[in-house]
């Protein structure tokens, strides 16, 4: 298939592009390089043997977006492009709503105008808000859009609704929404990995910056949660497994809108992650216990059984794999 990947030079987009190329698909990338680097294209080529055609285009520029679609007939679009820093979204909500929502609307308009009928959307577990049973396990049938605590999460929830409404108006559209949990790790080659701008919000990038000495210490937000060791537990998924989930979704697309959790189905605590990182790296990290963060739930974990049943997909890599691959990426890129 000929596939357009928006945000394809970003963390998850670049790993997915590599898996698509490995599977024999032709990939073109559309990205404005706001939060990624053009050098990623060379790294994709080094890993996969193919350098994708690249379009430096902002989805907010509808004319340029439409030209990309008119120049190439795409079989499907995988849509990663969007701002994703939770803290920044609280500080700059209008920027997030404009960029993420209007960008997606422009993408859907361009797809409609050029007859592209397959879309995979990069969503997030944040759409579940404060939902979850006592084990924190989240399933696709739960109500979403209740208790979301930040504009980033709201943009994902609103885009999901926009896609649903679009599919109602166009019965020939096949859209798959993939709700990610916590992506970690890097490609086995060590050439590409996670490199967020500014101060990261997620645990693993913070741990790596403390390890590198770029942050003075790791603050663990609360040790009095109702978990085995008192720290929050989250579902971490190796980015390579996540990328392969998009490949499975592409191969099992159905008319209408389908929704799948992409997670490991296993919750790992903050202390467990930190202990594993120290064990594998051989370096103790400076850390202290801080106050709980507002809105943090004790346990957030995917029930990924639907993806296994319908997409024949499940995670294969472990937390230890993710940490080892992250350390390899840091070593090669330091």
Foldseek 3Di string as FASTA:
>chain_A
DEEEEEVLQAFLNVLLVLVCVVVPYAYEYEYLCPWGDPCSQVVSCVNRVDRHHYHNDQLLPLVSLLVVCVVDPGQEYEYDDADAAQVVCQVPVVVRLCRLQVSVVSNVVSCVVNVHAYYEYEAAPLQQAPDADPQQEDDPPHDGDPNRDGSNNVSRNVVVVVQQVVCVVPQSHWYEYEHEWAEFAHPQVLAGHHDGPDQGDDQPVNLVCLVVVVDVAAEQAFQCAPDPRSFAWTFYAYSNLVSVLVVLCVVQIDGHYHYFYATQQDIDGSVRLQVLLCVLVVHHGHYDYHHHDPRDDRYHGYPGVVCCVRSVGHGDDDSNNRSVRNVSNVVVVD
